[in-house]
Amino acid sequence: MSPRRSYDQYCSAARALDTVGDRWTLLIVRELLSGPRRYTDLHADLPGVSTDVLASRLKDMERDGLATRRRLPPPGAAYVYELTVRGRELLPVIQALGAWGEAELRERRPTDAVRAHWFALPLLRALEGEGIVEVRLEEGDFHLYVGAEDGPVYGHGRTPGEPDARLTMDGDTCTAIGRGEVSVTDAVRAGRIEVDGDGTLAKGLRSA
């Protein structure tokens, strides 16, 4: 395990960066906000990270109390990583960084990787209320736990049960929401988002 590096400054921002300032750490947090994940899944959804760096960052996160590693019971019997309460407290930090970085998205570069669930946190910022929202894109499906105060804030794939609202849109609309160019309600009014479901969230979006 790599020794802790420090800015050696008596400042809360510096102390925070001592813990989460290394490259990839906050993106690992982003992935673990969906709940427990296997090492292989993390590696697949963090294109560009080496196996050595990912393993090192995960060990650092365990040491610093941000994540834990546990073995799933049979028939899974695989090891998964998940955020601690302390790690989940980084959600507002990730959200603030995402909001600040909206202006940097611009056009997608040929070298840019994309995963459907990377749109989850921008959409979560744009939605109000409480409930489960399933999102369908050409790139894939994910679901959001809007208003959740504990546990995962999004999940991969479709909702296990019936969601409170189901949103179908194209990648351009999702990107525009992520850039802050259009709100979810405006996109619904313009016909860019199809809303299905009988939950309060779905009814609210259709009537907005």
Foldseek 3Di string as FASTA:
>chain_A
DDDQDFPPDPDPVRVVCSQQVDPPRVVLLVVQLQPWDALVVSPVVDPPDDSVVSVVSLVSCVVVQQKDWDADDPPRRGIIIHGDPVNNVCLVVVLVVLLVCLQVCPDDDPPDDDAPCVLVSLLLVQADDAWKEWEQEPRAIKIAGRPDPDGRGIHGHGDPDDTQKYKYAYPVVSSCSSSVNDGLLRCVVVVRIDIDHDHPRSVVSNVD
